[in-house]
PDB file of N, CA and C in Angstrom:
ATOM      1  N   MET A   1       0.846  -1.092   0.120  1.00  0.00           N
ATOM      2  CA  MET A   1      -0.204   0.180   0.229  1.00  0.00           C
ATOM      3  C   MET A   1       0.858   1.223   0.187  1.00  0.00           C
ATOM      4  N   HIS A   2       0.602   2.300  -0.835  1.00  0.00           N
ATOM      5  CA  HIS A   2       1.578   3.280  -0.923  1.00  0.00           C
ATOM      6  C   HIS A   2       0.536   4.450  -0.195  1.00  0.00           C
ATOM      7  N   CYS A   3       0.957   5.205   0.865  1.00  0.00           N
ATOM      8  CA  CYS A   3       0.143   6.102   1.497  1.00  0.00           C
ATOM      9  C   CYS A   3       0.831   7.525   0.680  1.00  0.00           C
ATOM     10  N   HIS A   4       0.604   8.956   1.568  1.00  0.00           N
ATOM     11  CA  HIS A   4       1.296  10.119   0.881  1.00  0.00           C
ATOM     12  C   HIS A   4       2.430  10.118   1.333  1.00  0.00           C
ATOM     13  N   ARG A   5       3.168  10.892   0.776  1.00  0.00           N
ATOM     14  CA  ARG A   5       4.630  11.024   1.185  1.00  0.00           C
ATOM     15  C   ARG A   5       5.678   9.998   1.069  1.00  0.00           C
ATOM     16  N   ASN A   6       5.371   9.064   0.109  1.00  0.00           N
ATOM     17  CA  ASN A   6       6.077   8.047  -0.313  1.00  0.00           C
ATOM     18  C   ASN A   6       6.051   7.042   1.135  1.00  0.00           C
ATOM     19  N   THR A   7       5.052   6.994   1.984  1.00  0.00           N
ATOM     20  CA  THR A   7       5.503   6.318   3.276  1.00  0.00           C
ATOM     21  C   THR A   7       4.696   4.514   2.428  1.00  0.00           C
ATOM     22  N   ARG A   8       5.515   3.714   2.564  1.00  0.00           N
ATOM     23  CA  ARG A   8       5.097   2.168   2.024  1.00  0.00           C
ATOM     24  C   ARG A   8       4.770   1.234   3.183  1.00  0.00           C
ATOM     25  N   SER A   9       3.991   0.372   3.113  1.00  0.00           N
ATOM     26  CA  SER A   9       3.652  -0.439   4.040  1.00  0.00           C
ATOM     27  C   SER A   9       3.044  -1.746   3.158  1.00  0.00           C
ATOM     28  N   GLY A  10       3.282  -2.751   3.778  1.00  0.00           N
ATOM     29  CA  GLY A  10       2.752  -4.050   3.133  1.00  0.00           C
ATOM     30  C   GLY A  10       1.657  -4.777   3.758  1.00  0.00           C
ATOM     31  N   PRO A  11       1.143  -5.991   3.547  1.00  0.00           N
ATOM     32  CA  PRO A  11       0.258  -6.512   4.497  1.00  0.00           C
ATOM     33  C   PRO A  11       0.419  -6.410   5.652  1.00  0.00           C
ATOM     34  N   PHE A  12      -0.544  -6.628   6.277  1.00  0.00           N
ATOM     35  CA  PHE A  12      -0.935  -6.108   7.727  1.00  0.00           C
ATOM     36  C   PHE A  12      -1.095  -7.680   8.637  1.00  0.00           C
ATOM     37  N   PRO A  13      -0.340  -8.152   9.106  1.00  0.00           N
ATOM     38  CA  PRO A  13      -0.319  -9.647   9.777  1.00  0.00           C
ATOM     39  C   PRO A  13      -1.194  -9.599  10.757  1.00  0.00           C
ATOM     40  N   ASN A  14      -1.997 -10.088  11.357  1.00  0.00           N
ATOM     41  CA  ASN A  14      -3.093 -10.218  12.080  1.00  0.00           C
ATOM     42  C   ASN A  14      -3.229 -11.765  12.671  1.00  0.00           C
ATOM     43  N   TRP A  15      -3.882 -11.705  13.843  1.00  0.00           N
ATOM     44  CA  TRP A  15      -4.037 -12.746  14.657  1.00  0.00           C
ATOM     45  C   TRP A  15      -5.397 -13.716  14.139  1.00  0.00           C
ATOM     46  N   MET A  16      -6.433 -12.994  14.295  1.00  0.00           N
ATOM     47  CA  MET A  16      -7.636 -13.620  13.898  1.00  0.00           C
ATOM     48  C   MET A  16      -8.868 -12.378  13.802  1.00  0.00           C
ATOM     49  N   LEU A  17      -9.250 -12.142  12.864  1.00  0.00           N
ATOM     50  CA  LEU A  17     -10.162 -11.322  12.677  1.00  0.00           C
ATOM     51  C   LEU A  17     -11.798 -11.598  13.012  1.00  0.00           C
ATOM     52  N   SER A  18     -12.798 -11.037  12.785  1.00  0.00           N
ATOM     53  CA  SER A  18     -13.891 -11.357  13.074  1.00  0.00           C
ATOM     54  C   SER A  18     -14.811 -11.381  11.686  1.00  0.00           C
ATOM     55  N   THR A  19     -13.585 -10.902  10.458  1.00  0.00           N
ATOM     56  CA  THR A  19     -13.950 -11.229   8.980  1.00  0.00           C
ATOM     57  C   THR A  19     -13.983 -12.671   8.912  1.00  0.00           C
ATOM     58  N   GLY A  20     -13.069 -13.484   9.459  1.00  0.00           N
ATOM     59  CA  GLY A  20     -12.671 -15.098   8.962  1.00  0.00           C
ATOM     60  C   GLY A  20     -11.552 -15.376   8.311  1.00  0.00           C
ATOM     61  N   VAL A  21     -10.690 -14.102   8.120  1.00  0.00           N
ATOM     62  CA  VAL A  21      -9.414 -14.360   7.482  1.00  0.00           C
ATOM     63  C   VAL A  21      -8.539 -15.555   7.683  1.00  0.00           C
ATOM     64  N   GLY A  22      -8.708 -16.243   9.318  1.00  0.00           N
ATOM     65  CA  GLY A  22      -7.991 -17.250   9.450  1.00  0.00           C
ATOM     66  C   GLY A  22      -8.693 -18.398   9.000  1.00  0.00           C
ATOM     67  N   PHE A  23     -10.004 -18.179   8.995  1.00  0.00           N
ATOM     68  CA  PHE A  23     -10.643 -19.369   8.327  1.00  0.00           C
ATOM     69  C   PHE A  23     -11.160 -19.492   6.981  1.00  0.00           C
ATOM     70  N   GLY A  24     -10.563 -18.869   6.013  1.00  0.00           N
ATOM     71  CA  GLY A  24     -10.527 -19.047   4.612  1.00  0.00           C
ATOM     72  C   GLY A  24     -12.024 -18.185   4.262  1.00  0.00           C
ATOM     73  N   GLY A  25     -12.645 -17.330   5.089  1.00  0.00           N
ATOM     74  CA  GLY A  25     -13.566 -16.820   5.043  1.00  0.00           C
ATOM     75  C   GLY A  25     -14.987 -17.433   5.299  1.00  0.00           C
ATOM     76  N   LYS A  26     -14.754 -18.870   5.858  1.00  0.00           N
ATOM     77  CA  LYS A  26     -15.790 -19.742   6.555  1.00  0.00           C
ATOM     78  C   LYS A  26     -16.213 -19.168   8.008  1.00  0.00           C
ATOM     79  N   THR A  27     -17.586 -18.547   8.084  1.00  0.00           N
ATOM     80  CA  THR A  27     -17.231 -18.154   9.524  1.00  0.00           C
ATOM     81  C   THR A  27     -18.787 -18.651  10.234  1.00  0.00           C
ATOM     82  N   ASP A  28     -19.524 -19.417   9.144  1.00  0.00           N
ATOM     83  CA  ASP A  28     -20.761 -19.673   9.542  1.00  0.00           C
ATOM     84  C   ASP A  28     -21.069 -20.451  11.055  1.00  0.00           C
ATOM     85  N   ASP A  29     -19.938 -21.478  11.170  1.00  0.00           N
ATOM     86  CA  ASP A  29     -20.097 -22.101  12.466  1.00  0.00           C
ATOM     87  C   ASP A  29     -19.153 -21.743  13.512  1.00  0.00           C
ATOM     88  N   VAL A  30     -18.579 -20.536  13.268  1.00  0.00           N
ATOM     89  CA  VAL A  30     -17.372 -20.144  14.094  1.00  0.00           C
ATOM     90  C   VAL A  30     -18.082 -19.447  15.468  1.00  0.00           C
ATOM     91  N   ASP A  31     -17.474 -19.774  16.298  1.00  0.00           N
ATOM     92  CA  ASP A  31     -17.900 -19.218  17.917  1.00  0.00           C
ATOM     93  C   ASP A  31     -16.962 -18.191  18.369  1.00  0.00           C
ATOM     94  N   TRP A  32     -17.128 -16.694  17.828  1.00  0.00           N
ATOM     95  CA  TRP A  32     -16.397 -15.750  18.233  1.00  0.00           C
ATOM     96  C   TRP A  32     -15.793 -15.768  19.399  1.00  0.00           C
ATOM     97  N   ASP A  33     -16.741 -15.740  20.544  1.00  0.00           N
ATOM     98  CA  ASP A  33     -16.509 -15.918  21.867  1.00  0.00           C
ATOM     99  C   ASP A  33     -15.549 -16.905  22.478  1.00  0.00           C
ATOM    100  N   VAL A  34     -15.696 -18.067  22.086  1.00  0.00           N
ATOM    101  CA  VAL A  34     -14.757 -18.892  22.279  1.00  0.00           C
ATOM    102  C   VAL A  34     -13.410 -18.678  22.032  1.00  0.00           C
ATOM    103  N   ILE A  35     -13.433 -18.297  20.525  1.00  0.00           N
ATOM    104  CA  ILE A  35     -11.749 -17.592  19.919  1.00  0.00           C
ATOM    105  C   ILE A  35     -11.399 -16.864  20.781  1.00  0.00           C
ATOM    106  N   GLY A  36     -12.185 -15.632  20.918  1.00  0.00           N
ATOM    107  CA  GLY A  36     -11.634 -14.430  21.757  1.00  0.00           C
ATOM    108  C   GLY A  36     -11.168 -14.575  23.000  1.00  0.00           C
ATOM    109  N   LYS A  37     -11.451 -15.529  23.777  1.00  0.00           N
ATOM    110  CA  LYS A  37     -11.067 -16.121  24.923  1.00  0.00           C
ATOM    111  C   LYS A  37      -9.477 -16.373  25.083  1.00  0.00           C
ATOM    112  N   ASN A  38      -9.351 -17.098  23.892  1.00  0.00           N
ATOM    113  CA  ASN A  38      -7.640 -17.719  23.679  1.00  0.00           C
ATOM    114  C   ASN A  38      -7.217 -16.263  23.156  1.00  0.00           C
ATOM    115  N   ASN A  39      -7.298 -15.229  23.551  1.00  0.00           N
ATOM    116  CA  ASN A  39      -6.543 -14.092  22.827  1.00  0.00           C
ATOM    117  C   ASN A  39      -6.406 -13.277  24.240  1.00  0.00           C
ATOM    118  N   PRO A  40      -5.081 -12.724  24.621  1.00  0.00           N
ATOM    119  CA  PRO A  40      -5.204 -11.817  25.894  1.00  0.00           C
ATOM    120  C   PRO A  40      -5.822 -10.708  25.866  1.00  0.00           C
ATOM    121  N   SER A  41      -6.455 -10.132  24.754  1.00  0.00           N
ATOM    122  CA  SER A  41      -7.080  -9.063  24.862  1.00  0.00           C
ATOM    123  C   SER A  41      -8.551  -9.531  25.219  1.00  0.00           C
ATOM    124  N   GLY A  42      -8.683 -10.669  25.335  1.00  0.00           N
ATOM    125  CA  GLY A  42     -10.176 -11.235  25.553  1.00  0.00           C
ATOM    126  C   GLY A  42     -11.052 -11.291  24.413  1.00  0.00           C
ATOM    127  N   ARG A  43     -10.785 -11.018  23.193  1.00  0.00           N
ATOM    128  CA  ARG A  43     -11.693 -10.713  22.333  1.00  0.00           C
ATOM    129  C   ARG A  43     -10.750 -10.913  20.890  1.00  0.00           C
ATOM    130  N   VAL A  44     -11.934 -11.197  19.697  1.00  0.00           N
ATOM    131  CA  VAL A  44     -11.662 -11.300  18.239  1.00  0.00           C
ATOM    132  C   VAL A  44     -11.226  -9.731  17.811  1.00  0.00           C
ATOM    133  N   GLY A  45     -10.076  -9.723  17.335  1.00  0.00           N
ATOM    134  CA  GLY A  45      -9.923  -8.047  16.383  1.00  0.00           C
ATOM    135  C   GLY A  45     -11.108  -8.098  15.131  1.00  0.00           C
ATOM    136  N   THR A  46     -11.111  -6.797  14.886  1.00  0.00           N
ATOM    137  CA  THR A  46     -12.153  -6.310  14.099  1.00  0.00           C
ATOM    138  C   THR A  46     -11.506  -5.705  12.891  1.00  0.00           C
ATOM    139  N   PRO A  47     -12.107  -5.233  11.532  1.00  0.00           N
ATOM    140  CA  PRO A  47     -11.754  -4.550  10.535  1.00  0.00           C
ATOM    141  C   PRO A  47     -11.412  -3.112  11.316  1.00  0.00           C
ATOM    142  N   GLU A  48     -11.773  -2.831  11.974  1.00  0.00           N
ATOM    143  CA  GLU A  48     -11.331  -1.282  12.676  1.00  0.00           C
ATOM    144  C   GLU A  48     -10.221  -1.240  13.526  1.00  0.00           C
ATOM    145  N   ASP A  49      -9.651  -2.579  14.000  1.00  0.00           N
ATOM    146  CA  ASP A  49      -8.426  -2.441  14.755  1.00  0.00           C
ATOM    147  C   ASP A  49      -7.207  -2.356  13.591  1.00  0.00           C
ATOM    148  N   ILE A  50      -7.611  -3.022  12.295  1.00  0.00           N
ATOM    149  CA  ILE A  50      -6.766  -2.965  11.541  1.00  0.00           C
ATOM    150  C   ILE A  50      -6.404  -1.531  11.086  1.00  0.00           C
ATOM    151  N   ALA A  51      -7.912  -0.778  10.776  1.00  0.00           N
ATOM    152  CA  ALA A  51      -7.716   0.253  10.294  1.00  0.00           C
ATOM    153  C   ALA A  51      -6.966   1.429  10.824  1.00  0.00           C
ATOM    154  N   GLY A  52      -7.153   1.140  12.398  1.00  0.00           N
ATOM    155  CA  GLY A  52      -6.396   2.080  13.270  1.00  0.00           C
ATOM    156  C   GLY A  52      -4.830   1.852  12.987  1.00  0.00           C
ATOM    157  N   LEU A  53      -4.197   0.984  12.790  1.00  0.00           N
ATOM    158  CA  LEU A  53      -3.267   0.775  12.402  1.00  0.00           C
ATOM    159  C   LEU A  53      -2.493   1.374  11.200  1.00  0.00           C
ATOM    160  N   ALA A  54      -3.360   1.145   9.973  1.00  0.00           N
ATOM    161  CA  ALA A  54      -3.392   1.461   8.690  1.00  0.00           C
ATOM    162  C   ALA A  54      -3.260   3.129   8.361  1.00  0.00           C
ATOM    163  N   ILE A  55      -4.390   3.528   9.436  1.00  0.00           N
ATOM    164  CA  ILE A  55      -4.291   5.285   9.452  1.00  0.00           C
ATOM    165  C   ILE A  55      -3.337   5.789  10.169  1.00  0.00           C
ATOM    166  N   PHE A  56      -2.482   5.141  11.170  1.00  0.00           N
ATOM    167  CA  PHE A  56      -1.244   5.495  11.818  1.00  0.00           C
ATOM    168  C   PHE A  56      -0.138   5.464  10.782  1.00  0.00           C
ATOM    169  N   LEU A  57       0.026   4.302  10.329  1.00  0.00           N
ATOM    170  CA  LEU A  57       1.014   4.389   9.273  1.00  0.00           C
ATOM    171  C   LEU A  57       1.073   5.242   8.019  1.00  0.00           C
ATOM    172  N   CYS A  58      -0.494   5.448   7.671  1.00  0.00           N
ATOM    173  CA  CYS A  58      -0.353   6.644   6.601  1.00  0.00           C
ATOM    174  C   CYS A  58      -0.376   7.845   6.907  1.00  0.00           C
ATOM    175  N   SER A  59      -0.395   8.315   8.299  1.00  0.00           N
ATOM    176  CA  SER A  59      -0.250   9.698   8.844  1.00  0.00           C
ATOM    177  C   SER A  59       0.783  10.143   8.580  1.00  0.00           C
ATOM    178  N   ARG A  60       1.169  11.478   9.361  1.00  0.00           N
ATOM    179  CA  ARG A  60       2.278  12.353   9.340  1.00  0.00           C
ATOM    180  C   ARG A  60       3.462  11.483  10.561  1.00  0.00           C
ATOM    181  N   ALA A  61       2.515  10.771  11.492  1.00  0.00           N
ATOM    182  CA  ALA A  61       3.055  10.299  12.928  1.00  0.00           C
ATOM    183  C   ALA A  61       3.615   8.884  12.401  1.00  0.00           C
ATOM    184  N   GLY A  62       3.509   8.639  11.285  1.00  0.00           N
ATOM    185  CA  GLY A  62       3.997   6.964  10.920  1.00  0.00           C
ATOM    186  C   GLY A  62       5.074   7.102   9.872  1.00  0.00           C
ATOM    187  N   GLN A  63       5.001   8.353   9.536  1.00  0.00           N
ATOM    188  CA  GLN A  63       5.783   8.744   8.327  1.00  0.00           C
ATOM    189  C   GLN A  63       7.478   8.034   8.550  1.00  0.00           C
ATOM    190  N   TYR A  64       7.722   7.965   9.456  1.00  0.00           N
ATOM    191  CA  TYR A  64       9.314   7.523   9.602  1.00  0.00           C
ATOM    192  C   TYR A  64       9.335   5.968  10.042  1.00  0.00           C
ATOM    193  N   VAL A  65       8.417   5.501  10.160  1.00  0.00           N
ATOM    194  CA  VAL A  65       8.294   3.884  10.329  1.00  0.00           C
ATOM    195  C   VAL A  65       8.481   3.067   9.190  1.00  0.00           C
ATOM    196  N   ALA A  66       9.706   2.326   9.036  1.00  0.00           N
ATOM    197  CA  ALA A  66       9.872   1.574   7.995  1.00  0.00           C
ATOM    198  C   ALA A  66      10.627   0.368   8.237  1.00  0.00           C
ATOM    199  N   GLY A  67      10.235  -0.733   7.247  1.00  0.00           N
ATOM    200  CA  GLY A  67      10.914  -2.033   7.545  1.00  0.00           C
ATOM    201  C   GLY A  67      10.285  -2.844   8.872  1.00  0.00           C
ATOM    202  N   GLN A  68       9.090  -2.838   9.446  1.00  0.00           N
ATOM    203  CA  GLN A  68       8.801  -3.246  10.413  1.00  0.00           C
ATOM    204  C   GLN A  68       7.625  -3.847  10.394  1.00  0.00           C
ATOM    205  N   THR A  69       7.594  -4.987  11.269  1.00  0.00           N
ATOM    206  CA  THR A  69       6.164  -5.808  11.424  1.00  0.00           C
ATOM    207  C   THR A  69       5.679  -5.709  12.587  1.00  0.00           C
ATOM    208  N   ILE A  70       4.573  -5.026  12.351  1.00  0.00           N
ATOM    209  CA  ILE A  70       3.659  -4.576  13.702  1.00  0.00           C
ATOM    210  C   ILE A  70       2.478  -5.181  13.923  1.00  0.00           C
ATOM    211  N   ALA A  71       2.806  -6.348  15.033  1.00  0.00           N
ATOM    212  CA  ALA A  71       1.609  -7.350  15.496  1.00  0.00           C
ATOM    213  C   ALA A  71       0.260  -6.326  15.676  1.00  0.00           C
ATOM    214  N   CYS A  72      -0.712  -6.477  15.332  1.00  0.00           N
ATOM    215  CA  CYS A  72      -2.177  -6.112  15.542  1.00  0.00           C
ATOM    216  C   CYS A  72      -2.992  -7.241  15.782  1.00  0.00           C
ATOM    217  N   ASP A  73      -2.728  -7.950  17.217  1.00  0.00           N
ATOM    218  CA  ASP A  73      -3.153  -9.367  17.166  1.00  0.00           C
ATOM    219  C   ASP A  73      -3.740  -9.647  18.788  1.00  0.00           C
ATOM    220  N   GLY A  74      -3.839  -8.037  19.169  1.00  0.00           N
ATOM    221  CA  GLY A  74      -4.517  -8.375  20.910  1.00  0.00           C
ATOM    222  C   GLY A  74      -3.166  -8.842  21.864  1.00  0.00           C
ATOM    223  N   SER A  75      -2.098  -8.961  21.560  1.00  0.00           N
ATOM    224  CA  SER A  75      -1.225  -9.154  22.511  1.00  0.00           C
ATOM    225  C   SER A  75      -0.825 -10.575  22.361  1.00  0.00           C
ATOM    226  N   VAL A  76      -1.335 -11.283  21.166  1.00  0.00           N
ATOM    227  CA  VAL A  76      -0.865 -12.731  21.065  1.00  0.00           C
ATOM    228  C   VAL A  76       0.494 -12.790  21.231  1.00  0.00           C
ATOM    229  N   VAL A  77       1.335 -11.862  20.115  1.00  0.00           N
ATOM    230  CA  VAL A  77       2.893 -12.142  19.971  1.00  0.00           C
ATOM    231  C   VAL A  77       3.342 -11.759  21.307  1.00  0.00           C
ATOM    232  N   GLY A  78       3.290 -11.156  21.929  1.00  0.00           N
ATOM    233  CA  GLY A  78       3.748 -10.491  23.129  1.00  0.00           C
ATOM    234  C   GLY A  78       3.806 -11.195  24.396  1.00  0.00           C
ATOM    235  N   THR A  79       2.651 -12.198  24.360  1.00  0.00           N
ATOM    236  CA  THR A  79       2.480 -13.118  25.368  1.00  0.00           C
ATOM    237  C   THR A  79       2.954 -14.746  24.835  1.00  0.00           C
ATOM    238  N   SER A  80       3.323 -14.968  23.696  1.00  0.00           N
ATOM    239  CA  SER A  80       3.711 -16.236  23.391  1.00  0.00           C
ATOM    240  C   SER A  80       5.020 -16.878  23.874  1.00  0.00           C
TER     241      SER A  80
END
């Protein structure tokens, strides 16, 4: 993704989103509450959680961030 001021970012790694990314889009039989209990934040991530990170990286505040993997996962990586 290219943002203004030549800021660049790649795909956003994530743990599990309520969109079913980790389930190949098949979410009909998914119990999100059970999955969320396995996350230190106590919930499953939402598209808005990822949007916040994208907005930061595309803003002036994130213009000097480069070559980093930022875990947007409710602290799964930090507690593994």
